[in-house]
C-alpha atoms as a PDB file:
ATOM      1  CA  MET A   1       6.771 -27.938 -21.346  1.00  0.00           C
ATOM      2  CA  ALA A   2       7.460 -30.636 -24.115  1.00  0.00           C
ATOM      3  CA  ALA A   3       7.311 -29.457 -27.624  1.00  0.00           C
ATOM      4  CA  ASN A   4       4.662 -31.975 -28.715  1.00  0.00           C
ATOM      5  CA  GLN A   5       2.454 -30.990 -25.867  1.00  0.00           C
ATOM      6  CA  VAL A   6       2.741 -27.268 -26.964  1.00  0.00           C
ATOM      7  CA  ARG A   7       1.681 -28.372 -30.577  1.00  0.00           C
ATOM      8  CA  ARG A   8      -1.239 -30.457 -29.216  1.00  0.00           C
ATOM      9  CA  THR A   9      -2.457 -27.410 -27.131  1.00  0.00           C
ATOM     10  CA  LEU A  10      -2.056 -24.610 -29.498  1.00  0.00           C
ATOM     11  CA  LEU A  11      -2.004 -25.962 -33.029  1.00  0.00           C
ATOM     12  CA  PRO A  12      -5.940 -26.284 -33.188  1.00  0.00           C
ATOM     13  CA  ALA A  13      -6.149 -22.478 -32.053  1.00  0.00           C
ATOM     14  CA  ALA A  14      -3.513 -21.619 -34.786  1.00  0.00           C
ATOM     15  CA  ILE A  15      -5.637 -23.235 -37.489  1.00  0.00           C
ATOM     16  CA  VAL A  16      -8.646 -21.479 -36.272  1.00  0.00           C
ATOM     17  CA  LEU A  17      -6.883 -18.040 -36.208  1.00  0.00           C
ATOM     18  CA  ALA A  18      -5.436 -18.638 -39.731  1.00  0.00           C
ATOM     19  CA  GLY A  19      -8.842 -19.594 -41.034  1.00  0.00           C
ATOM     20  CA  MET A  20     -10.475 -16.457 -39.446  1.00  0.00           C
ATOM     21  CA  ALA A  21      -7.967 -14.248 -41.176  1.00  0.00           C
ATOM     22  CA  GLY A  22      -8.927 -15.716 -44.501  1.00  0.00           C
ATOM     23  CA  GLY A  23      -7.100 -15.180 -47.778  1.00  0.00           C
ATOM     24  CA  GLY A  24      -5.683 -12.139 -49.406  1.00  0.00           C
ATOM     25  CA  SER A  25      -2.321 -10.426 -48.955  1.00  0.00           C
ATOM     26  CA  ALA A  26      -1.017  -9.122 -45.826  1.00  0.00           C
ATOM     27  CA  SER A  27       0.423  -5.675 -45.038  1.00  0.00           C
ATOM     28  CA  ALA A  28       3.403  -4.779 -42.828  1.00  0.00           C
ATOM     29  CA  GLU A  29       2.522  -3.715 -39.233  1.00  0.00           C
ATOM     30  CA  PRO A  30       4.849  -1.551 -37.350  1.00  0.00           C
ATOM     31  CA  VAL A  31       6.264  -3.034 -34.159  1.00  0.00           C
ATOM     32  CA  SER A  32       6.247  -1.119 -30.892  1.00  0.00           C
ATOM     33  CA  LEU A  33       8.656  -2.333 -28.141  1.00  0.00           C
ATOM     34  CA  ASN A  34       6.914  -0.277 -25.396  1.00  0.00           C
ATOM     35  CA  TYR A  35       4.941  -2.750 -23.218  1.00  0.00           C
ATOM     36  CA  GLU A  36       4.898  -0.476 -20.256  1.00  0.00           C
ATOM     37  CA  SER A  37       1.953   1.648 -18.987  1.00  0.00           C
ATOM     38  CA  LEU A  38       3.355   4.888 -20.019  1.00  0.00           C
ATOM     39  CA  SER A  39       3.648   5.787 -23.774  1.00  0.00           C
ATOM     40  CA  SER A  40       3.940   8.938 -25.849  1.00  0.00           C
ATOM     41  CA  MET A  41       0.828  10.056 -27.799  1.00  0.00           C
ATOM     42  CA  GLU A  42       2.589  12.702 -29.714  1.00  0.00           C
ATOM     43  CA  GLU A  43       3.949  12.711 -33.229  1.00  0.00           C
ATOM     44  CA  PRO A  44       7.548  11.459 -33.171  1.00  0.00           C
ATOM     45  CA  LEU A  45      10.640  13.407 -34.026  1.00  0.00           C
ATOM     46  CA  ALA A  46      12.108  12.400 -37.260  1.00  0.00           C
ATOM     47  CA  VAL A  47      15.160  13.054 -39.420  1.00  0.00           C
ATOM     48  CA  GLU A  48      16.386  11.555 -42.613  1.00  0.00           C
ATOM     49  CA  VAL A  49      20.159  10.922 -43.137  1.00  0.00           C
ATOM     50  CA  ALA A  50      20.934   9.401 -46.542  1.00  0.00           C
ATOM     51  CA  ASP A  51      18.550   6.418 -47.058  1.00  0.00           C
ATOM     52  CA  VAL A  52      17.880   5.904 -43.303  1.00  0.00           C
ATOM     53  CA  THR A  53      15.078   7.639 -41.211  1.00  0.00           C
ATOM     54  CA  PHE A  54      15.615   8.069 -37.598  1.00  0.00           C
ATOM     55  CA  ILE A  55      12.586   8.442 -35.416  1.00  0.00           C
ATOM     56  CA  LEU A  56      12.468   9.247 -31.638  1.00  0.00           C
ATOM     57  CA  THR A  57       9.516   9.239 -29.112  1.00  0.00           C
ATOM     58  CA  GLY A  58       9.544   9.524 -25.364  1.00  0.00           C
ATOM     59  CA  LEU A  59       8.192  10.997 -22.203  1.00  0.00           C
ATOM     60  CA  VAL A  60       9.071  12.160 -18.645  1.00  0.00           C
ATOM     61  CA  ASP A  61       6.705  11.665 -15.750  1.00  0.00           C
ATOM     62  CA  ALA A  62       7.214  13.268 -12.247  1.00  0.00           C
ATOM     63  CA  ARG A  63       4.801  11.732  -9.870  1.00  0.00           C
ATOM     64  CA  TRP A  64       3.681  11.671  -6.242  1.00  0.00           C
ATOM     65  CA  SER A  65       1.520   8.834  -4.650  1.00  0.00           C
ATOM     66  CA  VAL A  66       0.217   7.883  -1.457  1.00  0.00           C
ATOM     67  CA  ASP A  67      -0.942   4.447  -0.030  1.00  0.00           C
ATOM     68  CA  THR A  68      -4.488   5.154   1.373  1.00  0.00           C
ATOM     69  CA  GLU A  69      -4.912   1.626   2.707  1.00  0.00           C
ATOM     70  CA  GLY A  70      -3.965   2.605   6.315  1.00  0.00           C
ATOM     71  CA  SER A  71      -0.112   3.185   6.258  1.00  0.00           C
ATOM     72  CA  ASN A  72      -0.529   6.540   4.398  1.00  0.00           C
ATOM     73  CA  ASP A  73       3.038   6.064   3.069  1.00  0.00           C
ATOM     74  CA  THR A  74       3.953   8.789   0.447  1.00  0.00           C
ATOM     75  CA  ASP A  75       6.171   8.270  -2.580  1.00  0.00           C
ATOM     76  CA  THR A  76       7.797  10.559  -5.146  1.00  0.00           C
ATOM     77  CA  GLY A  77       9.573   9.415  -8.134  1.00  0.00           C
ATOM     78  CA  LEU A  78      10.521   9.964 -11.880  1.00  0.00           C
ATOM     79  CA  ILE A  79       9.894   7.805 -14.712  1.00  0.00           C
ATOM     80  CA  GLY A  80      11.326   8.383 -18.105  1.00  0.00           C
ATOM     81  CA  ASN A  81      11.370   6.279 -21.458  1.00  0.00           C
ATOM     82  CA  PHE A  82      11.964   6.590 -25.058  1.00  0.00           C
ATOM     83  CA  GLN A  83      11.894   4.556 -28.309  1.00  0.00           C
ATOM     84  CA  ALA A  84      14.310   5.135 -31.105  1.00  0.00           C
ATOM     85  CA  ASN A  85      13.900   3.560 -34.562  1.00  0.00           C
ATOM     86  CA  ALA A  86      16.308   3.441 -37.583  1.00  0.00           C
ATOM     87  CA  LEU A  87      14.348   2.640 -40.767  1.00  0.00           C
ATOM     88  CA  THR A  88      15.300   1.995 -44.390  1.00  0.00           C
ATOM     89  CA  GLN A  89      13.936   0.434 -47.487  1.00  0.00           C
ATOM     90  CA  LEU A  90      15.715  -2.116 -49.525  1.00  0.00           C
ATOM     91  CA  GLU A  91      15.595  -2.307 -53.339  1.00  0.00           C
ATOM     92  CA  ASN A  92      13.103  -5.175 -53.150  1.00  0.00           C
ATOM     93  CA  ARG A  93      10.816  -2.750 -51.094  1.00  0.00           C
ATOM     94  CA  TRP A  94      11.266  -4.657 -48.019  1.00  0.00           C
ATOM     95  CA  ARG A  95      11.257  -2.077 -44.904  1.00  0.00           C
ATOM     96  CA  VAL A  96      14.124  -2.800 -42.294  1.00  0.00           C
ATOM     97  CA  ASP A  97      13.616  -1.450 -38.831  1.00  0.00           C
ATOM     98  CA  LEU A  98      16.117  -1.441 -36.003  1.00  0.00           C
ATOM     99  CA  SER A  99      14.170  -0.502 -32.727  1.00  0.00           C
ATOM    100  CA  TYR A 100      15.397   0.188 -29.203  1.00  0.00           C
ATOM    101  CA  PHE A 101      13.249   1.049 -26.274  1.00  0.00           C
ATOM    102  CA  GLY A 102      14.448   2.103 -22.801  1.00  0.00           C
ATOM    103  CA  GLN A 103      12.876   3.073 -19.543  1.00  0.00           C
ATOM    104  CA  HIS A 104      14.158   4.296 -16.240  1.00  0.00           C
ATOM    105  CA  ALA A 105      12.176   4.393 -12.993  1.00  0.00           C
ATOM    106  CA  SER A 106      13.531   5.946  -9.845  1.00  0.00           C
ATOM    107  CA  ASP A 107      11.764   3.513  -7.584  1.00  0.00           C
ATOM    108  CA  PRO A 108       9.439   0.438  -7.685  1.00  0.00           C
ATOM    109  CA  THR A 109       5.660   1.110  -7.868  1.00  0.00           C
ATOM    110  CA  THR A 110       2.635  -0.974  -8.383  1.00  0.00           C
ATOM    111  CA  VAL A 111       0.877   2.058  -9.759  1.00  0.00           C
ATOM    112  CA  PHE A 112       2.709   1.718 -13.231  1.00  0.00           C
ATOM    113  CA  GLY A 113       3.379  -1.974 -12.756  1.00  0.00           C
ATOM    114  CA  THR A 114       7.074  -1.495 -13.083  1.00  0.00           C
ATOM    115  CA  GLY A 115      10.208  -2.006 -10.995  1.00  0.00           C
ATOM    116  CA  ASP A 116      12.965   0.474 -10.306  1.00  0.00           C
ATOM    117  CA  GLY A 117      16.201   0.895 -12.377  1.00  0.00           C
ATOM    118  CA  TYR A 118      16.795   0.718 -16.180  1.00  0.00           C
ATOM    119  CA  THR A 119      15.027  -1.728 -18.526  1.00  0.00           C
ATOM    120  CA  ASP A 120      15.152  -2.095 -22.138  1.00  0.00           C
ATOM    121  CA  ASN A 121      13.942  -3.847 -25.367  1.00  0.00           C
ATOM    122  CA  ALA A 122      15.678  -4.186 -28.657  1.00  0.00           C
ATOM    123  CA  ALA A 123      14.516  -5.840 -32.004  1.00  0.00           C
ATOM    124  CA  LEU A 124      15.176  -5.969 -35.678  1.00  0.00           C
ATOM    125  CA  SER A 125      12.218  -6.264 -38.035  1.00  0.00           C
ATOM    126  CA  VAL A 126      11.775  -6.794 -41.701  1.00  0.00           C
ATOM    127  CA  GLY A 127       8.279  -6.132 -43.316  1.00  0.00           C
ATOM    128  CA  SER A 128       6.652  -5.952 -46.748  1.00  0.00           C
ATOM    129  CA  TYR A 129       3.257  -6.674 -48.315  1.00  0.00           C
ATOM    130  CA  TRP A 130       3.406 -10.199 -46.549  1.00  0.00           C
ATOM    131  CA  GLY A 131       3.607  -8.696 -43.153  1.00  0.00           C
ATOM    132  CA  THR A 132       6.447  -8.121 -40.593  1.00  0.00           C
ATOM    133  CA  VAL A 133       8.787 -10.651 -39.028  1.00  0.00           C
ATOM    134  CA  SER A 134      10.740  -9.565 -35.916  1.00  0.00           C
ATOM    135  CA  VAL A 135      13.447 -11.050 -33.572  1.00  0.00           C
ATOM    136  CA  GLY A 136      14.704  -9.660 -30.256  1.00  0.00           C
ATOM    137  CA  ASN A 137      12.586  -8.623 -27.163  1.00  0.00           C
ATOM    138  CA  VAL A 138       9.250  -8.898 -29.031  1.00  0.00           C
ATOM    139  CA  SER A 139       7.402 -11.104 -26.385  1.00  0.00           C
ATOM    140  CA  GLY A 140       4.764  -8.436 -25.724  1.00  0.00           C
ATOM    141  CA  ILE A 141       3.487  -7.641 -29.281  1.00  0.00           C
ATOM    142  CA  VAL A 142       0.623 -10.063 -29.252  1.00  0.00           C
ATOM    143  CA  ARG A 143      -0.536  -8.966 -25.678  1.00  0.00           C
ATOM    144  CA  GLU A 144      -0.410  -5.440 -26.772  1.00  0.00           C
ATOM    145  CA  MET A 145      -2.571  -5.924 -29.820  1.00  0.00           C
ATOM    146  CA  THR A 146      -5.196  -7.987 -28.116  1.00  0.00           C
ATOM    147  CA  ARG A 147      -5.374  -6.313 -24.607  1.00  0.00           C
ATOM    148  CA  ARG A 148      -8.155  -3.961 -23.426  1.00  0.00           C
ATOM    149  CA  LEU A 149      -7.487  -0.148 -23.757  1.00  0.00           C
ATOM    150  CA  ARG A 150      -5.450   1.103 -20.941  1.00  0.00           C
ATOM    151  CA  GLY A 151      -6.903   3.672 -18.439  1.00  0.00           C
ATOM    152  CA  ALA A 152      -6.537   7.399 -18.755  1.00  0.00           C
ATOM    153  CA  GLY A 153      -3.866   9.371 -16.705  1.00  0.00           C
ATOM    154  CA  ASN A 154      -2.522   7.120 -13.823  1.00  0.00           C
ATOM    155  CA  GLY A 155      -5.510   4.609 -13.782  1.00  0.00           C
ATOM    156  CA  ALA A 156      -3.831   1.088 -13.971  1.00  0.00           C
ATOM    157  CA  LEU A 157      -5.972  -1.942 -13.467  1.00  0.00           C
ATOM    158  CA  ALA A 158      -4.296  -4.806 -11.665  1.00  0.00           C
ATOM    159  CA  PHE A 159      -4.707  -8.595 -12.825  1.00  0.00           C
ATOM    160  CA  ASP A 160      -6.061  -7.603 -16.103  1.00  0.00           C
ATOM    161  CA  GLY A 161      -4.513 -10.411 -18.188  1.00  0.00           C
ATOM    162  CA  PHE A 162      -2.663 -13.708 -17.771  1.00  0.00           C
ATOM    163  CA  LEU A 163      -0.317 -14.060 -14.759  1.00  0.00           C
ATOM    164  CA  GLY A 164       1.964 -15.991 -16.973  1.00  0.00           C
ATOM    165  CA  ALA A 165       4.116 -14.394 -19.682  1.00  0.00           C
ATOM    166  CA  PRO A 166       6.563 -15.499 -22.386  1.00  0.00           C
ATOM    167  CA  GLU A 167      10.418 -14.924 -22.045  1.00  0.00           C
ATOM    168  CA  ASP A 168      11.700 -11.721 -23.231  1.00  0.00           C
ATOM    169  CA  ARG A 169      13.876 -12.973 -26.051  1.00  0.00           C
ATOM    170  CA  SER A 170      11.699 -14.258 -28.947  1.00  0.00           C
ATOM    171  CA  GLY A 171      10.698 -14.049 -32.581  1.00  0.00           C
ATOM    172  CA  GLY A 172       7.261 -12.909 -34.013  1.00  0.00           C
ATOM    173  CA  TYR A 173       5.119 -12.137 -36.908  1.00  0.00           C
ATOM    174  CA  THR A 174       2.379  -9.629 -37.334  1.00  0.00           C
ATOM    175  CA  GLY A 175       0.262  -8.953 -40.536  1.00  0.00           C
ATOM    176  CA  ARG A 176      -2.849  -7.202 -41.600  1.00  0.00           C
ATOM    177  CA  PHE A 177      -5.406  -8.893 -43.901  1.00  0.00           C
ATOM    178  CA  GLY A 178      -8.034  -6.197 -44.427  1.00  0.00           C
ATOM    179  CA  PRO A 179      -9.889  -5.705 -41.278  1.00  0.00           C
ATOM    180  CA  TRP A 180      -7.988  -8.651 -39.633  1.00  0.00           C
ATOM    181  CA  VAL A 181      -4.677  -8.388 -37.825  1.00  0.00           C
ATOM    182  CA  VAL A 182      -2.824 -11.519 -36.883  1.00  0.00           C
ATOM    183  CA  GLY A 183       0.145 -12.046 -34.685  1.00  0.00           C
ATOM    184  CA  ALA A 184       2.285 -14.878 -33.388  1.00  0.00           C
ATOM    185  CA  VAL A 185       5.326 -15.015 -31.054  1.00  0.00           C
ATOM    186  CA  VAL A 186       7.545 -17.916 -29.974  1.00  0.00           C
ATOM    187  CA  ASP A 187       9.908 -17.316 -27.176  1.00  0.00           C
ATOM    188  CA  GLU A 188      13.360 -18.879 -26.387  1.00  0.00           C
ATOM    189  CA  ASP A 189      11.690 -21.703 -24.348  1.00  0.00           C
ATOM    190  CA  GLY A 190       9.252 -22.528 -27.139  1.00  0.00           C
ATOM    191  CA  ASN A 191       6.223 -21.033 -25.582  1.00  0.00           C
ATOM    192  CA  PRO A 192       3.732 -19.806 -28.327  1.00  0.00           C
ATOM    193  CA  ASP A 193       1.591 -16.723 -28.080  1.00  0.00           C
ATOM    194  CA  LEU A 194      -0.961 -16.259 -30.801  1.00  0.00           C
ATOM    195  CA  GLY A 195      -3.543 -13.514 -31.302  1.00  0.00           C
ATOM    196  CA  VAL A 196      -6.072 -12.188 -33.981  1.00  0.00           C
ATOM    197  CA  VAL A 197      -7.865  -8.844 -34.047  1.00  0.00           C
ATOM    198  CA  PHE A 198     -10.870  -7.888 -36.094  1.00  0.00           C
ATOM    199  CA  GLN A 199     -11.841  -4.200 -36.316  1.00  0.00           C
ATOM    200  CA  ARG A 200     -14.345  -2.369 -38.550  1.00  0.00           C
ATOM    201  CA  PRO A 201     -16.789   0.477 -38.387  1.00  0.00           C
ATOM    202  CA  ALA A 202     -20.568  -0.126 -38.542  1.00  0.00           C
ATOM    203  CA  GLY A 203     -22.736   3.003 -38.757  1.00  0.00           C
ATOM    204  CA  THR A 204     -21.590   5.544 -36.177  1.00  0.00           C
ATOM    205  CA  ARG A 205     -19.798   2.950 -34.110  1.00  0.00           C
ATOM    206  CA  ASP A 206     -16.437   1.178 -34.355  1.00  0.00           C
ATOM    207  CA  TRP A 207     -16.248  -2.352 -33.247  1.00  0.00           C
ATOM    208  CA  ARG A 208     -13.288  -4.453 -32.315  1.00  0.00           C
ATOM    209  CA  MET A 209     -12.907  -8.111 -31.162  1.00  0.00           C
ATOM    210  CA  ALA A 210      -9.591  -9.645 -30.076  1.00  0.00           C
ATOM    211  CA  LEU A 211      -8.687 -13.466 -29.338  1.00  0.00           C
ATOM    212  CA  ARG A 212      -5.569 -14.587 -27.698  1.00  0.00           C
ATOM    213  CA  VAL A 213      -4.110 -18.086 -26.781  1.00  0.00           C
ATOM    214  CA  ALA A 214      -0.717 -18.203 -25.083  1.00  0.00           C
ATOM    215  CA  GLU A 215       1.702 -20.330 -22.955  1.00  0.00           C
ATOM    216  CA  GLY A 216       4.241 -18.804 -20.586  1.00  0.00           C
ATOM    217  CA  ALA A 217       5.689 -18.928 -17.055  1.00  0.00           C
ATOM    218  CA  PHE A 218       4.860 -17.316 -13.757  1.00  0.00           C
ATOM    219  CA  ALA A 219       6.866 -17.308 -10.597  1.00  0.00           C
ATOM    220  CA  SER A 220       5.050 -16.990  -7.176  1.00  0.00           C
ATOM    221  CA  ARG A 221       5.958 -14.863  -4.287  1.00  0.00           C
ATOM    222  CA  GLY A 222       8.013 -17.949  -2.928  1.00  0.00           C
ATOM    223  CA  GLY A 223       9.849 -18.323  -6.128  1.00  0.00           C
ATOM    224  CA  ARG A 224       7.927 -21.475  -7.411  1.00  0.00           C
ATOM    225  CA  ARG A 225       7.723 -21.596 -11.104  1.00  0.00           C
ATOM    226  CA  PHE A 226       4.381 -22.367 -12.877  1.00  0.00           C
ATOM    227  CA  ASP A 227       3.943 -23.307 -16.431  1.00  0.00           C
ATOM    228  CA  THR A 228       0.831 -21.445 -17.749  1.00  0.00           C
ATOM    229  CA  ARG A 229      -1.660 -21.808 -20.454  1.00  0.00           C
ATOM    230  CA  GLY A 230      -4.425 -19.215 -21.239  1.00  0.00           C
ATOM    231  CA  LEU A 231      -7.244 -18.130 -23.515  1.00  0.00           C
ATOM    232  CA  SER A 232      -8.652 -14.541 -23.547  1.00  0.00           C
ATOM    233  CA  LEU A 233     -11.320 -12.640 -25.395  1.00  0.00           C
ATOM    234  CA  VAL A 234     -11.878  -8.823 -25.611  1.00  0.00           C
ATOM    235  CA  GLY A 235     -14.688  -6.925 -27.214  1.00  0.00           C
ATOM    236  CA  GLU A 236     -14.680  -3.001 -27.712  1.00  0.00           C
ATOM    237  CA  VAL A 237     -17.131  -0.405 -29.029  1.00  0.00           C
ATOM    238  CA  ILE A 238     -16.217   3.155 -29.766  1.00  0.00           C
ATOM    239  CA  TYR A 239     -19.030   5.787 -30.115  1.00  0.00           C
ATOM    240  CA  GLY A 240     -17.795   9.343 -30.538  1.00  0.00           C
ATOM    241  CA  SER A 241     -15.245  10.021 -27.818  1.00  0.00           C
ATOM    242  CA  THR A 242     -16.225   7.276 -25.586  1.00  0.00           C
ATOM    243  CA  THR A 243     -14.837   3.642 -25.620  1.00  0.00           C
ATOM    244  CA  LEU A 244     -16.546   0.842 -23.736  1.00  0.00           C
ATOM    245  CA  ASP A 245     -14.794  -2.692 -23.505  1.00  0.00           C
ATOM    246  CA  ALA A 246     -14.770  -5.922 -21.695  1.00  0.00           C
ATOM    247  CA  GLY A 247     -12.593  -8.963 -21.463  1.00  0.00           C
ATOM    248  CA  ALA A 248     -12.727 -12.381 -20.091  1.00  0.00           C
ATOM    249  CA  GLY A 249     -10.121 -15.153 -19.722  1.00  0.00           C
ATOM    250  CA  GLN A 250      -9.183 -18.416 -18.295  1.00  0.00           C
ATOM    251  CA  GLU A 251      -5.705 -19.650 -17.299  1.00  0.00           C
ATOM    252  CA  ARG A 252      -4.207 -22.903 -16.150  1.00  0.00           C
ATOM    253  CA  LEU A 253      -1.058 -22.965 -13.906  1.00  0.00           C
ATOM    254  CA  SER A 254       0.807 -26.159 -13.452  1.00  0.00           C
ATOM    255  CA  SER A 255       3.929 -26.948 -11.374  1.00  0.00           C
ATOM    256  CA  LYS A 256       5.096 -30.304 -10.231  1.00  0.00           C
ATOM    257  CA  GLY A 257       1.663 -31.984  -9.761  1.00  0.00           C
ATOM    258  CA  LEU A 258      -0.010 -28.803  -8.769  1.00  0.00           C
ATOM    259  CA  ASP A 259      -2.659 -27.570 -11.254  1.00  0.00           C
ATOM    260  CA  ILE A 260      -4.471 -24.290 -10.531  1.00  0.00           C
ATOM    261  CA  ASP A 261      -7.388 -22.777 -12.586  1.00  0.00           C
ATOM    262  CA  ARG A 262      -7.900 -19.075 -12.827  1.00  0.00           C
ATOM    263  CA  ARG A 263     -10.868 -17.164 -14.439  1.00  0.00           C
ATOM    264  CA  TYR A 264     -11.560 -13.538 -14.710  1.00  0.00           C
ATOM    265  CA  VAL A 265     -13.689 -10.800 -16.215  1.00  0.00           C
ATOM    266  CA  SER A 266     -12.652  -7.142 -16.660  1.00  0.00           C
ATOM    267  CA  ALA A 267     -14.590  -4.133 -18.102  1.00  0.00           C
ATOM    268  CA  GLY A 268     -14.190  -0.507 -18.447  1.00  0.00           C
ATOM    269  CA  VAL A 269     -15.254   2.837 -20.073  1.00  0.00           C
ATOM    270  CA  ARG A 270     -13.128   5.786 -21.195  1.00  0.00           C
ATOM    271  CA  THR A 271     -14.200   9.191 -22.469  1.00  0.00           C
ATOM    272  CA  LYS A 272     -12.829  12.475 -23.446  1.00  0.00           C
ATOM    273  CA  THR A 273     -14.481  15.856 -23.192  1.00  0.00           C
ATOM    274  CA  GLY A 274     -12.349  18.807 -24.329  1.00  0.00           C
ATOM    275  CA  ALA A 275      -9.067  18.620 -22.594  1.00  0.00           C
ATOM    276  CA  PHE A 276     -10.415  16.066 -19.987  1.00  0.00           C
ATOM    277  CA  SER A 277      -9.974  12.342 -20.334  1.00  0.00           C
ATOM    278  CA  LEU A 278     -11.630  10.015 -17.715  1.00  0.00           C
ATOM    279  CA  SER A 279     -11.656   6.314 -17.335  1.00  0.00           C
ATOM    280  CA  LEU A 280     -13.183   3.786 -14.940  1.00  0.00           C
ATOM    281  CA  GLU A 281     -12.364   0.074 -14.937  1.00  0.00           C
ATOM    282  CA  GLY A 282     -13.183  -3.041 -12.757  1.00  0.00           C
ATOM    283  CA  HIS A 283     -11.972  -6.617 -12.470  1.00  0.00           C
ATOM    284  CA  ILE A 284     -13.148  -9.749 -10.624  1.00  0.00           C
ATOM    285  CA  GLY A 285     -11.552 -13.185 -10.720  1.00  0.00           C
ATOM    286  CA  ARG A 286     -11.403 -16.586  -8.966  1.00  0.00           C
ATOM    287  CA  VAL A 287      -8.175 -18.619  -8.407  1.00  0.00           C
ATOM    288  CA  GLU A 288      -9.314 -22.105  -7.090  1.00  0.00           C
ATOM    289  CA  GLY A 289     -12.041 -20.550  -4.958  1.00  0.00           C
ATOM    290  CA  LYS A 290     -10.048 -17.514  -3.937  1.00  0.00           C
ATOM    291  CA  ASP A 291     -11.116 -14.020  -4.926  1.00  0.00           C
ATOM    292  CA  GLU A 292      -9.143 -11.466  -6.788  1.00  0.00           C
ATOM    293  CA  ALA A 293     -10.515  -7.944  -7.410  1.00  0.00           C
ATOM    294  CA  SER A 294      -9.400  -4.578  -8.693  1.00  0.00           C
ATOM    295  CA  VAL A 295     -10.739  -1.078  -9.515  1.00  0.00           C
ATOM    296  CA  ALA A 296      -8.979   1.734 -11.338  1.00  0.00           C
ATOM    297  CA  LEU A 297     -10.093   5.421 -11.827  1.00  0.00           C
ATOM    298  CA  GLY A 298      -7.983   7.471 -13.926  1.00  0.00           C
ATOM    299  CA  GLY A 299      -8.024  11.114 -15.201  1.00  0.00           C
ATOM    300  CA  GLN A 300      -5.859  13.338 -17.585  1.00  0.00           C
ATOM    301  CA  TYR A 301      -5.963  16.967 -18.296  1.00  0.00           C
ATOM    302  CA  ASP A 302      -4.176  18.188 -21.446  1.00  0.00           C
ATOM    303  CA  ILE A 303      -2.302  21.475 -20.466  1.00  0.00           C
ATOM    304  CA  ALA A 304      -0.533  22.063 -23.791  1.00  0.00           C
ATOM    305  CA  ARG A 305       0.892  19.985 -26.550  1.00  0.00           C
ATOM    306  CA  GLY A 306       2.724  17.083 -24.975  1.00  0.00           C
ATOM    307  CA  LEU A 307       2.169  18.393 -21.281  1.00  0.00           C
ATOM    308  CA  SER A 308      -0.585  16.832 -19.173  1.00  0.00           C
ATOM    309  CA  ALA A 309      -1.670  16.562 -15.578  1.00  0.00           C
ATOM    310  CA  ASN A 310      -2.590  12.945 -14.445  1.00  0.00           C
ATOM    311  CA  LEU A 311      -4.549  11.445 -11.658  1.00  0.00           C
ATOM    312  CA  GLY A 312      -5.085   7.758 -10.667  1.00  0.00           C
ATOM    313  CA  LEU A 313      -6.708   5.921  -7.769  1.00  0.00           C
ATOM    314  CA  ASN A 314      -6.250   2.178  -7.985  1.00  0.00           C
ATOM    315  CA  HIS A 315      -7.237  -0.653  -5.756  1.00  0.00           C
ATOM    316  CA  ALA A 316      -6.042  -4.217  -5.754  1.00  0.00           C
ATOM    317  CA  ARG A 317      -6.970  -7.098  -3.473  1.00  0.00           C
ATOM    318  CA  ALA A 318      -6.020 -10.771  -3.831  1.00  0.00           C
ATOM    319  CA  ARG A 319      -4.816 -13.485  -1.415  1.00  0.00           C
ATOM    320  CA  ALA A 320      -4.384 -16.929  -2.787  1.00  0.00           C
ATOM    321  CA  PRO A 321      -2.483 -19.453  -0.579  1.00  0.00           C
ATOM    322  CA  LEU A 322      -2.781 -22.793  -2.414  1.00  0.00           C
ATOM    323  CA  ASP A 323      -1.104 -26.044  -1.224  1.00  0.00           C
ATOM    324  CA  GLY A 324       1.549 -24.185   0.672  1.00  0.00           C
ATOM    325  CA  VAL A 325       2.235 -21.697  -2.213  1.00  0.00           C
ATOM    326  CA  MET A 326       1.324 -18.080  -1.880  1.00  0.00           C
ATOM    327  CA  LEU A 327       0.246 -17.366  -5.415  1.00  0.00           C
ATOM    328  CA  LEU A 328      -1.162 -13.957  -4.953  1.00  0.00           C
ATOM    329  CA  ASP A 329      -0.885 -11.652  -1.836  1.00  0.00           C
ATOM    330  CA  ILE A 330      -1.649  -8.049  -2.314  1.00  0.00           C
ATOM    331  CA  GLU A 331      -4.102  -5.534  -0.734  1.00  0.00           C
ATOM    332  CA  GLU A 332      -3.436  -2.004  -1.706  1.00  0.00           C
ATOM    333  CA  THR A 333      -5.223   1.290  -2.462  1.00  0.00           C
ATOM    334  CA  ARG A 334      -2.993   4.073  -4.019  1.00  0.00           C
ATOM    335  CA  ALA A 335      -3.626   7.460  -5.294  1.00  0.00           C
ATOM    336  CA  ALA A 336      -1.134   9.048  -7.702  1.00  0.00           C
ATOM    337  CA  LEU A 337      -0.656  12.446  -9.162  1.00  0.00           C
ATOM    338  CA  SER A 338       1.888  13.214 -11.871  1.00  0.00           C
ATOM    339  CA  LEU A 339       2.899  15.842 -14.368  1.00  0.00           C
ATOM    340  CA  ARG A 340       3.833  14.350 -17.690  1.00  0.00           C
ATOM    341  CA  TYR A 341       5.552  15.620 -20.807  1.00  0.00           C
ATOM    342  CA  SER A 342       5.797  13.454 -23.911  1.00  0.00           C
ATOM    343  CA  PHE A 343       7.376  13.982 -27.327  1.00  0.00           C
END
């Protein structure tokens, strides 16, 4: 997509986001390179050597799943990931952070939305009172800060977001201005991804709103490439141990004279009672008159610090043949059980 077209598309949105953030000084935001479904919730391991602090987080998940759609195919596997950070502070109080995230999955699975083999992300970031600037594999930072809360346990809601995504190698900025958090990413192809989040308590509830505008790319099942442009809005309210959220979005996919419009709505509830966490999510969408739908039920039982048993029942259905292109083609219901240890 031409650079001037990108500017015409997203410059007004960037001005709106900057205006919403308002004045005042920013604060540095830590950058996470984990864009996968599984992440550690425990306090990281940390050690200080000279003026450098080394931090490590990770998890191991042993799982069993079955396709309940009719084939009853069973699947066992192991997923493990970790993130390592080396941090130091310069004399001018700038914080320098070298980060590395790696994940290995023993086989492909749609339950966790990941493929088999080893994948990794790396980034270098510099932060201070003005925010944090990062370079490397930081294409997912805006998506992560503006998305709906993930489901509990092995609950994974399909289609919840844009089909298109920026390229892995990119540069980005995040900063906090009071209750506002702003983020921006530009990938190696010049695709921008902009987001703003507002979060503040009011009475006994905590409210959060997130807006995202992005351009990226999507490859259909036949390998045809689409340039994408999307807008999404997420609202969330937390009351006690219960979180309710909803999101809506629209996306335009373009490829060699073929333009496809997609719209969707997602919603979910997540609650925790004692050692039990439960979530229920749903999604409906339309792609040029074709339906897409998904449901996810997730559960987690905390056995001990870092150790948990996890359940998920996930259904996804979408078939969108358009102008000889199979944009989406999936119909699956899969149950997953796993034992997970995080540190």
